[in-house]
Amino acid sequence: MIGYLEGRIIQHEPDGILLLAGSIGYEILLNPITLERVKSESSDEGIVSLYIYYHVTERQPKPVLIGFGTPEDKEFFQLFISVAAVGPMKAVKALTKPVGAVAKAIEDKDVSFLSQLVGIGKRTAEKIIATLHGKVTAFVDEAAQIPLKATDSPKTDLREITQQVEDVLVDQLGHSLGSAKRMLKEAFDRNSSIETAEDLFDEIYQEVR
């Protein structure tokens, strides 16, 4: 069983990559979100690391490898495909939105949002909600859980600000995604009046200074 691969990208495909790891080339399918992330985050040498879902059945005897940037994304995918109407091949194409946003739509019973996913119609969206509602709260982004104030304008959209700060913490400052989310949550717990990215950074690093 293959659960994790790290190697060099030797070819990009419309729906994935060919990854050279240990002198073996692995064809790996990626959902659109992960594919874009891999393209933007891979080093100059094309080195990437992926958590792998290994799919093979009697009806699908040819092994299929599906890659994810984090173990949490892989875990959500495994829950997602537990829905009777959603198999791995359908799911990898359907996840065109971030996991946190999809999880929030499930918890909010937002049929309209889920119906926008590739290959997911209204009936399938309803099945997804019926199967997974109450089971994916852990995957809802902290940013998506922060309510907007009545006076907020697009310039002070806390969800957008939180996502921007999270990206900086992870991509530029080297924090893990889990650590970044914890830091953000603790900052908002301490100070509920944060309105700008600068305020949020100040709150996060107040103890450091």
N, C-alpha and C. Protein backbone atom coordinates (compact mmCIF):
# COMPACT_ATOMS: atom_id res chain seq x y z
N MET A 1 0.84 -1.20 0.00
CA MET A 1 0.00 0.00 0.00
C MET A 1 0.88 1.25 0.00
N ILE A 2 0.55 2.19 -0.84
CA ILE A 2 1.31 3.44 -0.93
C ILE A 2 0.50 4.53 -0.22
N GLY A 3 1.10 5.13 0.83
CA GLY A 3 0.39 6.16 1.59
C GLY A 3 1.01 7.54 1.50
N TYR A 4 2.27 7.60 1.02
CA TYR A 4 2.97 8.89 0.97
C TYR A 4 4.09 8.79 -0.05
N LEU A 5 4.25 9.85 -0.84
CA LEU A 5 5.32 9.89 -1.83
C LEU A 5 5.97 11.27 -1.83
N GLU A 6 7.28 11.27 -2.00
CA GLU A 6 8.01 12.52 -2.13
C GLU A 6 8.99 12.37 -3.29
N GLY A 7 8.97 13.31 -4.19
CA GLY A 7 9.85 13.19 -5.34
C GLY A 7 9.82 14.41 -6.23
N ARG A 8 10.29 14.22 -7.44
CA ARG A 8 10.42 15.33 -8.40
C ARG A 8 9.39 15.18 -9.50
N ILE A 9 8.72 16.27 -9.80
CA ILE A 9 7.75 16.27 -10.89
C ILE A 9 8.50 16.22 -12.22
N ILE A 10 8.19 15.23 -13.02
CA ILE A 10 8.84 15.16 -14.33
C ILE A 10 7.86 15.42 -15.48
N GLN A 11 6.58 15.50 -15.13
CA GLN A 11 5.60 15.83 -16.17
C GLN A 11 4.30 16.29 -15.52
N HIS A 12 3.74 17.35 -16.06
CA HIS A 12 2.43 17.84 -15.62
C HIS A 12 1.36 17.34 -16.58
N GLU A 13 0.23 16.93 -16.02
CA GLU A 13 -0.92 16.50 -16.81
C GLU A 13 -2.10 17.40 -16.46
N PRO A 14 -3.13 17.43 -17.30
CA PRO A 14 -4.31 18.27 -16.99
C PRO A 14 -4.97 17.92 -15.66
N ASP A 15 -4.89 16.65 -15.26
CA ASP A 15 -5.54 16.23 -14.02
C ASP A 15 -4.57 15.63 -13.01
N GLY A 16 -3.28 15.91 -13.16
CA GLY A 16 -2.33 15.36 -12.20
C GLY A 16 -0.89 15.56 -12.62
N ILE A 17 -0.02 14.71 -12.08
CA ILE A 17 1.41 14.81 -12.36
C ILE A 17 2.02 13.42 -12.51
N LEU A 18 3.20 13.38 -13.12
CA LEU A 18 4.04 12.18 -13.11
C LEU A 18 5.17 12.48 -12.15
N LEU A 19 5.25 11.73 -11.07
CA LEU A 19 6.20 12.00 -10.00
C LEU A 19 7.29 10.93 -9.98
N LEU A 20 8.54 11.37 -10.04
CA LEU A 20 9.69 10.45 -9.97
C LEU A 20 10.10 10.33 -8.51
N ALA A 21 9.92 9.14 -7.95
CA ALA A 21 10.29 8.89 -6.56
C ALA A 21 11.01 7.54 -6.48
N GLY A 22 12.25 7.56 -6.07
CA GLY A 22 13.01 6.32 -5.97
C GLY A 22 13.20 5.63 -7.30
N SER A 23 13.46 6.39 -8.34
CA SER A 23 13.69 5.87 -9.70
C SER A 23 12.45 5.26 -10.33
N ILE A 24 11.29 5.50 -9.73
CA ILE A 24 10.02 5.00 -10.28
C ILE A 24 9.12 6.20 -10.54
N GLY A 25 8.46 6.20 -11.70
CA GLY A 25 7.54 7.27 -12.04
C GLY A 25 6.12 6.89 -11.68
N TYR A 26 5.49 7.70 -10.85
CA TYR A 26 4.13 7.42 -10.40
C TYR A 26 3.16 8.42 -11.03
N GLU A 27 2.12 7.89 -11.69
CA GLU A 27 1.06 8.75 -12.20
C GLU A 27 0.10 9.03 -11.04
N ILE A 28 -0.06 10.30 -10.71
CA ILE A 28 -0.86 10.68 -9.55
C ILE A 28 -1.95 11.66 -9.98
N LEU A 29 -3.19 11.31 -9.68
CA LEU A 29 -4.31 12.21 -9.95
C LEU A 29 -4.41 13.23 -8.81
N LEU A 30 -4.74 14.46 -9.15
CA LEU A 30 -4.90 15.52 -8.15
C LEU A 30 -6.20 16.28 -8.43
N ASN A 31 -6.91 16.63 -7.37
CA ASN A 31 -8.07 17.48 -7.58
C ASN A 31 -7.58 18.87 -7.99
N PRO A 32 -8.44 19.69 -8.59
CA PRO A 32 -7.99 20.99 -9.12
C PRO A 32 -7.31 21.89 -8.09
N ILE A 33 -7.80 21.88 -6.85
CA ILE A 33 -7.21 22.71 -5.81
C ILE A 33 -5.78 22.26 -5.51
N THR A 34 -5.59 20.96 -5.33
CA THR A 34 -4.26 20.43 -5.02
C THR A 34 -3.32 20.61 -6.20
N LEU A 35 -3.83 20.44 -7.41
CA LEU A 35 -3.01 20.61 -8.61
C LEU A 35 -2.46 22.02 -8.69
N GLU A 36 -3.29 23.02 -8.45
CA GLU A 36 -2.83 24.40 -8.48
C GLU A 36 -1.83 24.67 -7.37
N ARG A 37 -2.07 24.07 -6.20
CA ARG A 37 -1.16 24.27 -5.08
C ARG A 37 0.20 23.65 -5.39
N VAL A 38 0.19 22.48 -5.98
CA VAL A 38 1.45 21.81 -6.33
C VAL A 38 2.24 22.64 -7.33
N LYS A 39 1.54 23.19 -8.31
CA LYS A 39 2.21 24.01 -9.33
C LYS A 39 2.86 25.25 -8.72
N SER A 40 2.18 25.85 -7.74
CA SER A 40 2.68 27.10 -7.17
C SER A 40 3.69 26.89 -6.06
N GLU A 41 3.63 25.73 -5.37
CA GLU A 41 4.48 25.54 -4.20
C GLU A 41 5.68 24.64 -4.45
N SER A 42 5.75 23.95 -5.57
CA SER A 42 6.89 23.06 -5.82
C SER A 42 8.16 23.88 -5.93
N SER A 43 9.27 23.32 -5.48
CA SER A 43 10.55 24.02 -5.51
C SER A 43 11.05 24.13 -6.94
N ASP A 44 12.19 24.82 -7.11
CA ASP A 44 12.76 24.98 -8.44
C ASP A 44 13.08 23.62 -9.06
N GLU A 45 13.39 22.64 -8.23
CA GLU A 45 13.69 21.30 -8.73
C GLU A 45 12.43 20.48 -8.95
N GLY A 46 11.26 21.06 -8.63
CA GLY A 46 10.01 20.34 -8.82
C GLY A 46 9.74 19.30 -7.75
N ILE A 47 10.36 19.44 -6.57
CA ILE A 47 10.18 18.47 -5.50
C ILE A 47 8.87 18.74 -4.76
N VAL A 48 8.06 17.71 -4.62
CA VAL A 48 6.81 17.83 -3.87
C VAL A 48 6.62 16.61 -3.00
N SER A 49 5.79 16.74 -1.98
CA SER A 49 5.42 15.60 -1.13
C SER A 49 3.91 15.51 -1.08
N LEU A 50 3.39 14.30 -1.19
CA LEU A 50 1.95 14.10 -1.26
C LEU A 50 1.52 12.91 -0.42
N TYR A 51 0.39 13.04 0.23
CA TYR A 51 -0.25 11.91 0.89
C TYR A 51 -1.12 11.22 -0.16
N ILE A 52 -1.07 9.90 -0.19
CA ILE A 52 -1.66 9.16 -1.30
C ILE A 52 -2.84 8.30 -0.85
N TYR A 53 -3.92 8.40 -1.62
CA TYR A 53 -5.02 7.44 -1.49
C TYR A 53 -4.86 6.43 -2.61
N TYR A 54 -4.73 5.17 -2.24
CA TYR A 54 -4.49 4.08 -3.21
C TYR A 54 -5.82 3.40 -3.50
N HIS A 55 -6.25 3.46 -4.75
CA HIS A 55 -7.57 2.94 -5.11
C HIS A 55 -7.44 1.79 -6.10
N VAL A 56 -7.94 0.64 -5.71
CA VAL A 56 -8.00 -0.51 -6.62
C VAL A 56 -9.14 -1.43 -6.15
N THR A 57 -9.96 -1.87 -7.09
CA THR A 57 -11.06 -2.78 -6.79
C THR A 57 -11.15 -3.83 -7.89
N GLU A 58 -12.05 -4.78 -7.73
CA GLU A 58 -12.25 -5.79 -8.78
C GLU A 58 -12.74 -5.13 -10.06
N ARG A 59 -13.59 -4.13 -9.92
CA ARG A 59 -14.11 -3.43 -11.10
C ARG A 59 -13.09 -2.43 -11.64
N GLN A 60 -12.13 -2.03 -10.78
CA GLN A 60 -11.09 -1.09 -11.18
C GLN A 60 -9.75 -1.73 -10.81
N PRO A 61 -9.33 -2.77 -11.57
CA PRO A 61 -8.12 -3.52 -11.21
C PRO A 61 -6.82 -2.75 -11.40
N LYS A 62 -6.84 -1.72 -12.25
CA LYS A 62 -5.65 -0.90 -12.44
C LYS A 62 -5.54 0.08 -11.28
N PRO A 63 -4.45 0.01 -10.50
CA PRO A 63 -4.30 0.90 -9.35
C PRO A 63 -4.34 2.38 -9.77
N VAL A 64 -5.02 3.17 -8.96
CA VAL A 64 -5.08 4.61 -9.18
C VAL A 64 -4.55 5.30 -7.92
N LEU A 65 -3.63 6.22 -8.10
CA LEU A 65 -3.08 6.98 -6.98
C LEU A 65 -3.65 8.39 -7.01
N ILE A 66 -4.22 8.82 -5.90
CA ILE A 66 -4.78 10.16 -5.79
C ILE A 66 -4.02 10.89 -4.69
N GLY A 67 -3.49 12.08 -5.02
CA GLY A 67 -2.61 12.78 -4.09
C GLY A 67 -3.28 13.94 -3.36
N PHE A 68 -2.77 14.20 -2.14
CA PHE A 68 -3.30 15.29 -1.31
C PHE A 68 -2.13 15.99 -0.61
N GLY A 69 -2.31 17.30 -0.39
CA GLY A 69 -1.25 18.07 0.23
C GLY A 69 -1.11 17.85 1.72
N THR A 70 -2.20 17.45 2.38
CA THR A 70 -2.18 17.24 3.83
C THR A 70 -2.93 15.96 4.18
N PRO A 71 -2.62 15.35 5.33
CA PRO A 71 -3.39 14.18 5.75
C PRO A 71 -4.85 14.51 6.01
N GLU A 72 -5.12 15.77 6.40
CA GLU A 72 -6.51 16.17 6.64
C GLU A 72 -7.32 16.16 5.35
N ASP A 73 -6.70 16.63 4.25
CA ASP A 73 -7.39 16.61 2.97
C ASP A 73 -7.69 15.18 2.53
N LYS A 74 -6.73 14.29 2.78
CA LYS A 74 -6.94 12.87 2.44
C LYS A 74 -8.07 12.28 3.29
N GLU A 75 -8.08 12.61 4.57
CA GLU A 75 -9.11 12.10 5.47
C GLU A 75 -10.50 12.57 5.04
N PHE A 76 -10.59 13.86 4.65
CA PHE A 76 -11.88 14.38 4.19
C PHE A 76 -12.32 13.65 2.92
N PHE A 77 -11.38 13.42 2.01
CA PHE A 77 -11.69 12.72 0.76
C PHE A 77 -12.26 11.33 1.06
N GLN A 78 -11.69 10.65 2.02
CA GLN A 78 -12.18 9.30 2.36
C GLN A 78 -13.59 9.35 2.93
N LEU A 79 -13.91 10.41 3.65
CA LEU A 79 -15.29 10.58 4.11
C LEU A 79 -16.21 10.92 2.95
N PHE A 80 -15.72 11.77 2.08
CA PHE A 80 -16.51 12.22 0.93
C PHE A 80 -16.93 11.05 0.05
N ILE A 81 -16.01 10.10 -0.17
CA ILE A 81 -16.33 8.97 -1.05
C ILE A 81 -17.14 7.89 -0.34
N SER A 82 -17.41 8.10 0.95
CA SER A 82 -18.29 7.15 1.65
C SER A 82 -19.75 7.37 1.26
N VAL A 83 -20.03 8.49 0.60
CA VAL A 83 -21.38 8.76 0.09
C VAL A 83 -21.64 7.81 -1.08
N ALA A 84 -22.79 7.16 -1.06
CA ALA A 84 -23.08 6.12 -2.04
C ALA A 84 -22.96 6.59 -3.48
N ALA A 85 -23.31 7.83 -3.74
CA ALA A 85 -23.31 8.33 -5.12
C ALA A 85 -21.97 8.92 -5.56
N VAL A 86 -20.98 8.87 -4.68
CA VAL A 86 -19.69 9.51 -4.99
C VAL A 86 -18.54 8.52 -4.84
N GLY A 87 -17.93 8.15 -5.98
CA GLY A 87 -16.76 7.29 -5.96
C GLY A 87 -15.48 8.10 -6.04
N PRO A 88 -14.31 7.47 -5.89
CA PRO A 88 -13.03 8.20 -5.92
C PRO A 88 -12.80 9.00 -7.19
N MET A 89 -13.11 8.41 -8.34
CA MET A 89 -12.84 9.10 -9.60
C MET A 89 -13.76 10.32 -9.76
N LYS A 90 -14.98 10.20 -9.28
CA LYS A 90 -15.91 11.33 -9.34
C LYS A 90 -15.50 12.40 -8.34
N ALA A 91 -15.08 11.96 -7.15
CA ALA A 91 -14.73 12.89 -6.09
C ALA A 91 -13.51 13.74 -6.44
N VAL A 92 -12.51 13.12 -7.07
CA VAL A 92 -11.29 13.86 -7.36
C VAL A 92 -11.55 14.99 -8.37
N LYS A 93 -12.54 14.81 -9.22
CA LYS A 93 -12.92 15.86 -10.17
C LYS A 93 -13.84 16.89 -9.53
N ALA A 94 -14.62 16.42 -8.53
CA ALA A 94 -15.64 17.29 -7.93
C ALA A 94 -15.05 18.32 -6.98
N LEU A 95 -13.93 18.00 -6.33
CA LEU A 95 -13.40 18.89 -5.30
C LEU A 95 -12.67 20.08 -5.91
N THR A 96 -13.46 20.98 -6.47
CA THR A 96 -12.93 22.19 -7.11
C THR A 96 -12.92 23.37 -6.14
N LYS A 97 -13.35 23.13 -4.91
CA LYS A 97 -13.34 24.15 -3.86
C LYS A 97 -12.51 23.63 -2.69
N PRO A 98 -11.95 24.52 -1.87
CA PRO A 98 -11.17 24.07 -0.72
C PRO A 98 -11.98 23.18 0.21
N VAL A 99 -11.32 22.23 0.82
CA VAL A 99 -11.97 21.28 1.72
C VAL A 99 -12.77 22.00 2.80
N GLY A 100 -12.19 23.06 3.38
CA GLY A 100 -12.90 23.78 4.44
C GLY A 100 -14.22 24.36 3.98
N ALA A 101 -14.24 24.86 2.74
CA ALA A 101 -15.47 25.45 2.20
C ALA A 101 -16.51 24.37 1.92
N VAL A 102 -16.07 23.23 1.41
CA VAL A 102 -17.01 22.12 1.14
C VAL A 102 -17.58 21.59 2.45
N ALA A 103 -16.71 21.44 3.45
CA ALA A 103 -17.16 20.96 4.75
C ALA A 103 -18.19 21.91 5.36
N LYS A 104 -17.93 23.21 5.24
CA LYS A 104 -18.87 24.20 5.78
C LYS A 104 -20.22 24.11 5.07
N ALA A 105 -20.19 23.92 3.75
CA ALA A 105 -21.43 23.80 2.98
C ALA A 105 -22.23 22.58 3.45
N ILE A 106 -21.52 21.50 3.75
CA ILE A 106 -22.19 20.29 4.24
C ILE A 106 -22.84 20.57 5.60
N GLU A 107 -22.09 21.21 6.49
CA GLU A 107 -22.63 21.49 7.83
C GLU A 107 -23.75 22.53 7.78
N ASP A 108 -23.69 23.44 6.79
CA ASP A 108 -24.75 24.44 6.63
C ASP A 108 -25.92 23.92 5.80
N LYS A 109 -25.80 22.70 5.30
CA LYS A 109 -26.82 22.09 4.43
C LYS A 109 -27.06 22.96 3.20
N ASP A 110 -25.96 23.44 2.64
CA ASP A 110 -26.02 24.36 1.49
C ASP A 110 -26.01 23.56 0.18
N VAL A 111 -27.19 23.15 -0.24
CA VAL A 111 -27.32 22.35 -1.47
C VAL A 111 -26.84 23.13 -2.68
N SER A 112 -27.13 24.41 -2.72
CA SER A 112 -26.75 25.25 -3.86
C SER A 112 -25.24 25.25 -4.06
N PHE A 113 -24.48 25.42 -2.98
CA PHE A 113 -23.01 25.44 -3.07
C PHE A 113 -22.48 24.10 -3.56
N LEU A 114 -22.95 23.02 -2.96
CA LEU A 114 -22.46 21.69 -3.32
C LEU A 114 -22.82 21.34 -4.76
N SER A 115 -23.95 21.84 -5.23
CA SER A 115 -24.38 21.56 -6.60
C SER A 115 -23.47 22.21 -7.64
N GLN A 116 -22.65 23.18 -7.20
CA GLN A 116 -21.73 23.85 -8.11
C GLN A 116 -20.47 23.02 -8.35
N LEU A 117 -20.22 22.02 -7.53
CA LEU A 117 -19.04 21.17 -7.71
C LEU A 117 -19.21 20.34 -8.98
N VAL A 118 -18.11 20.11 -9.67
CA VAL A 118 -18.15 19.39 -10.95
C VAL A 118 -18.76 17.99 -10.76
N GLY A 119 -19.80 17.71 -11.53
CA GLY A 119 -20.42 16.38 -11.51
C GLY A 119 -21.36 16.14 -10.36
N ILE A 120 -21.59 17.15 -9.52
CA ILE A 120 -22.47 17.00 -8.36
C ILE A 120 -23.76 17.78 -8.60
N GLY A 121 -24.83 17.09 -8.87
CA GLY A 121 -26.11 17.74 -9.06
C GLY A 121 -26.86 17.88 -7.75
N LYS A 122 -28.09 18.36 -7.82
CA LYS A 122 -28.86 18.61 -6.62
C LYS A 122 -29.11 17.34 -5.81
N ARG A 123 -29.48 16.25 -6.48
CA ARG A 123 -29.78 15.01 -5.76
C ARG A 123 -28.54 14.46 -5.06
N THR A 124 -27.40 14.53 -5.75
CA THR A 124 -26.17 14.04 -5.14
C THR A 124 -25.76 14.93 -3.97
N ALA A 125 -25.95 16.25 -4.13
CA ALA A 125 -25.65 17.18 -3.05
C ALA A 125 -26.48 16.85 -1.81
N GLU A 126 -27.74 16.52 -2.02
CA GLU A 126 -28.62 16.17 -0.90
C GLU A 126 -28.16 14.87 -0.24
N LYS A 127 -27.66 13.92 -1.04
CA LYS A 127 -27.14 12.67 -0.48
C LYS A 127 -25.88 12.92 0.33
N ILE A 128 -25.04 13.82 -0.15
CA ILE A 128 -23.81 14.16 0.57
C ILE A 128 -24.14 14.74 1.94
N ILE A 129 -25.11 15.65 1.96
CA ILE A 129 -25.52 16.27 3.22
C ILE A 129 -26.13 15.23 4.16
N ALA A 130 -26.99 14.38 3.61
CA ALA A 130 -27.64 13.36 4.43
C ALA A 130 -26.63 12.40 5.05
N THR A 131 -25.56 12.11 4.32
CA THR A 131 -24.56 11.15 4.79
C THR A 131 -23.53 11.78 5.72
N LEU A 132 -23.10 13.00 5.43
CA LEU A 132 -21.95 13.58 6.13
C LEU A 132 -22.27 14.70 7.11
N HIS A 133 -23.49 15.21 7.12
CA HIS A 133 -23.80 16.30 8.04
C HIS A 133 -23.51 15.87 9.48
N GLY A 134 -22.76 16.73 10.19
CA GLY A 134 -22.40 16.42 11.57
C GLY A 134 -21.10 15.64 11.70
N LYS A 135 -20.54 15.21 10.56
CA LYS A 135 -19.32 14.40 10.60
C LYS A 135 -18.08 15.13 10.10
N VAL A 136 -18.25 16.34 9.57
CA VAL A 136 -17.10 17.04 8.96
C VAL A 136 -16.82 18.39 9.60
N THR A 137 -17.33 18.61 10.80
CA THR A 137 -17.11 19.90 11.46
C THR A 137 -15.62 20.18 11.68
N ALA A 138 -14.84 19.14 11.90
CA ALA A 138 -13.40 19.33 12.15
C ALA A 138 -12.67 19.89 10.94
N PHE A 139 -13.27 19.79 9.76
CA PHE A 139 -12.60 20.23 8.53
C PHE A 139 -13.00 21.65 8.12
N VAL A 140 -13.97 22.22 8.81
CA VAL A 140 -14.39 23.58 8.47
C VAL A 140 -13.29 24.55 8.84
N ASP A 141 -12.85 25.37 7.89
CA ASP A 141 -11.78 26.34 8.13
C ASP A 141 -12.15 27.27 9.27
N GLU A 142 -11.15 27.61 10.10
CA GLU A 142 -11.37 28.61 11.14
C GLU A 142 -11.87 29.90 10.51
N ALA A 143 -11.32 30.26 9.33
CA ALA A 143 -11.71 31.50 8.67
C ALA A 143 -13.19 31.49 8.32
N ALA A 144 -13.70 30.31 7.93
CA ALA A 144 -15.09 30.21 7.53
C ALA A 144 -16.03 30.28 8.73
N GLN A 145 -15.48 30.02 9.95
CA GLN A 145 -16.32 30.02 11.14
C GLN A 145 -16.39 31.39 11.80
N ILE A 146 -15.56 32.34 11.34
CA ILE A 146 -15.54 33.65 11.95
C ILE A 146 -16.64 34.51 11.35
N PRO A 147 -17.63 34.92 12.12
CA PRO A 147 -18.75 35.68 11.55
C PRO A 147 -18.34 37.10 11.19
N LEU A 148 -18.94 37.63 10.15
CA LEU A 148 -18.71 39.02 9.77
C LEU A 148 -19.54 39.93 10.67
N LYS A 149 -18.97 41.08 11.01
CA LYS A 149 -19.72 42.05 11.78
C LYS A 149 -20.70 42.76 10.86
N ALA A 150 -21.74 43.31 11.41
CA ALA A 150 -22.73 44.01 10.60
C ALA A 150 -22.13 45.20 9.88
N THR A 151 -21.07 45.78 10.46
CA THR A 151 -20.46 46.96 9.86
C THR A 151 -19.32 46.62 8.92
N ASP A 152 -19.01 45.34 8.77
CA ASP A 152 -17.89 44.96 7.91
C ASP A 152 -18.18 45.30 6.46
N SER A 153 -17.20 45.81 5.78
CA SER A 153 -17.25 46.03 4.34
C SER A 153 -16.33 45.02 3.71
N PRO A 154 -16.31 44.88 2.35
CA PRO A 154 -15.40 43.96 1.70
C PRO A 154 -13.95 44.17 2.11
N LYS A 155 -13.57 45.41 2.50
CA LYS A 155 -12.19 45.68 2.88
C LYS A 155 -11.86 45.06 4.23
N THR A 156 -12.89 44.81 5.06
CA THR A 156 -12.64 44.24 6.38
C THR A 156 -13.32 42.89 6.52
N ASP A 157 -13.37 42.12 5.45
CA ASP A 157 -13.91 40.77 5.47
C ASP A 157 -12.95 39.89 6.27
N LEU A 158 -13.35 39.50 7.47
CA LEU A 158 -12.45 38.77 8.35
C LEU A 158 -12.06 37.42 7.79
N ARG A 159 -12.94 36.82 7.01
CA ARG A 159 -12.60 35.51 6.42
C ARG A 159 -11.45 35.66 5.44
N GLU A 160 -11.53 36.71 4.62
CA GLU A 160 -10.46 36.94 3.63
C GLU A 160 -9.16 37.32 4.33
N ILE A 161 -9.24 38.16 5.34
CA ILE A 161 -8.05 38.57 6.08
C ILE A 161 -7.39 37.38 6.75
N THR A 162 -8.21 36.53 7.37
CA THR A 162 -7.67 35.36 8.06
C THR A 162 -6.99 34.42 7.09
N GLN A 163 -7.57 34.23 5.91
CA GLN A 163 -6.96 33.36 4.92
C GLN A 163 -5.64 33.93 4.44
N GLN A 164 -5.57 35.24 4.26
CA GLN A 164 -4.33 35.88 3.82
C GLN A 164 -3.23 35.69 4.86
N VAL A 165 -3.56 35.88 6.13
CA VAL A 165 -2.57 35.73 7.19
C VAL A 165 -2.14 34.28 7.32
N GLU A 166 -3.11 33.36 7.20
CA GLU A 166 -2.77 31.94 7.24
C GLU A 166 -1.78 31.57 6.13
N ASP A 167 -2.01 32.09 4.92
CA ASP A 167 -1.11 31.81 3.81
C ASP A 167 0.30 32.31 4.09
N VAL A 168 0.41 33.48 4.69
CA VAL A 168 1.73 34.03 5.01
C VAL A 168 2.42 33.17 6.09
N LEU A 169 1.67 32.79 7.11
CA LEU A 169 2.24 31.97 8.18
C LEU A 169 2.79 30.65 7.65
N VAL A 170 2.07 30.05 6.72
CA VAL A 170 2.47 28.74 6.20
C VAL A 170 3.51 28.86 5.10
N ASP A 171 3.21 29.69 4.09
CA ASP A 171 4.05 29.73 2.89
C ASP A 171 5.34 30.52 3.08
N GLN A 172 5.30 31.58 3.89
CA GLN A 172 6.46 32.45 4.02
C GLN A 172 7.20 32.31 5.34
N LEU A 173 6.47 31.97 6.41
CA LEU A 173 7.10 31.91 7.73
C LEU A 173 7.35 30.48 8.21
N GLY A 174 6.91 29.50 7.44
CA GLY A 174 7.29 28.12 7.71
C GLY A 174 6.49 27.39 8.77
N HIS A 175 5.36 27.95 9.22
CA HIS A 175 4.53 27.24 10.19
C HIS A 175 3.74 26.13 9.50
N SER A 176 3.44 25.07 10.23
CA SER A 176 2.56 24.04 9.68
C SER A 176 1.15 24.60 9.62
N LEU A 177 0.31 23.97 8.78
CA LEU A 177 -1.07 24.43 8.64
C LEU A 177 -1.80 24.35 9.98
N GLY A 178 -1.60 23.24 10.70
CA GLY A 178 -2.26 23.08 11.99
C GLY A 178 -1.83 24.13 12.99
N SER A 179 -0.53 24.44 13.02
CA SER A 179 -0.01 25.46 13.92
C SER A 179 -0.56 26.84 13.57
N ALA A 180 -0.62 27.13 12.26
CA ALA A 180 -1.14 28.43 11.82
C ALA A 180 -2.60 28.60 12.24
N LYS A 181 -3.41 27.56 12.06
CA LYS A 181 -4.82 27.64 12.43
C LYS A 181 -4.97 27.84 13.94
N ARG A 182 -4.13 27.17 14.73
CA ARG A 182 -4.19 27.34 16.18
C ARG A 182 -3.83 28.77 16.58
N MET A 183 -2.78 29.32 15.95
CA MET A 183 -2.36 30.68 16.26
C MET A 183 -3.47 31.69 15.92
N LEU A 184 -4.13 31.47 14.78
CA LEU A 184 -5.21 32.36 14.38
C LEU A 184 -6.39 32.30 15.36
N LYS A 185 -6.75 31.10 15.74
CA LYS A 185 -7.88 30.93 16.67
C LYS A 185 -7.57 31.59 18.01
N GLU A 186 -6.36 31.38 18.52
CA GLU A 186 -5.99 31.96 19.81
C GLU A 186 -5.97 33.49 19.73
N ALA A 187 -5.54 34.02 18.58
CA ALA A 187 -5.52 35.47 18.41
C ALA A 187 -6.93 36.05 18.48
N PHE A 188 -7.89 35.42 17.80
CA PHE A 188 -9.27 35.91 17.82
C PHE A 188 -9.93 35.67 19.18
N ASP A 189 -9.51 34.60 19.88
CA ASP A 189 -10.05 34.36 21.22
C ASP A 189 -9.61 35.47 22.18
N ARG A 190 -8.38 35.95 22.00
CA ARG A 190 -7.86 37.01 22.87
C ARG A 190 -8.43 38.38 22.51
N ASN A 191 -8.64 38.60 21.21
CA ASN A 191 -9.05 39.93 20.75
C ASN A 191 -10.10 39.80 19.66
N SER A 192 -11.34 40.02 19.99
CA SER A 192 -12.44 39.87 19.03
C SER A 192 -12.66 41.12 18.18
N SER A 193 -11.85 42.18 18.44
CA SER A 193 -12.04 43.44 17.71
C SER A 193 -11.09 43.58 16.52
N ILE A 194 -10.36 42.51 16.18
CA ILE A 194 -9.43 42.55 15.05
C ILE A 194 -10.19 42.84 13.76
N GLU A 195 -9.68 43.78 12.97
CA GLU A 195 -10.35 44.15 11.72
C GLU A 195 -9.42 44.16 10.51
N THR A 196 -8.10 44.12 10.73
CA THR A 196 -7.16 44.16 9.61
C THR A 196 -6.11 43.08 9.77
N ALA A 197 -5.42 42.79 8.66
CA ALA A 197 -4.34 41.81 8.70
C ALA A 197 -3.24 42.25 9.65
N GLU A 198 -2.96 43.56 9.67
CA GLU A 198 -1.93 44.09 10.55
C GLU A 198 -2.29 43.85 12.02
N ASP A 199 -3.57 44.09 12.35
CA ASP A 199 -4.04 43.84 13.71
C ASP A 199 -3.88 42.38 14.08
N LEU A 200 -4.19 41.52 13.12
CA LEU A 200 -4.11 40.08 13.37
C LEU A 200 -2.67 39.63 13.61
N PHE A 201 -1.74 40.12 12.79
CA PHE A 201 -0.33 39.79 12.99
C PHE A 201 0.16 40.31 14.34
N ASP A 202 -0.24 41.52 14.69
CA ASP A 202 0.17 42.09 15.97
C ASP A 202 -0.30 41.22 17.13
N GLU A 203 -1.53 40.73 17.03
CA GLU A 203 -2.09 39.91 18.09
C GLU A 203 -1.39 38.56 18.16
N ILE A 204 -1.10 37.98 17.01
CA ILE A 204 -0.42 36.68 16.97
C ILE A 204 0.96 36.74 17.61
N TYR A 205 1.67 37.82 17.31
CA TYR A 205 3.08 37.90 17.76
C TYR A 205 3.28 38.81 18.97
N GLN A 206 2.20 39.14 19.69
CA GLN A 206 2.34 40.04 20.81
C GLN A 206 3.25 39.46 21.89
N GLU A 207 3.17 38.13 22.12
CA GLU A 207 3.98 37.52 23.15
C GLU A 207 5.45 37.40 22.73
N VAL A 208 5.65 37.30 21.38
CA VAL A 208 7.02 37.20 20.90
C VAL A 208 7.79 38.47 21.19
N ARG A 209 7.11 39.62 21.00
CA ARG A 209 7.76 40.90 21.26
C ARG A 209 7.80 41.19 22.74
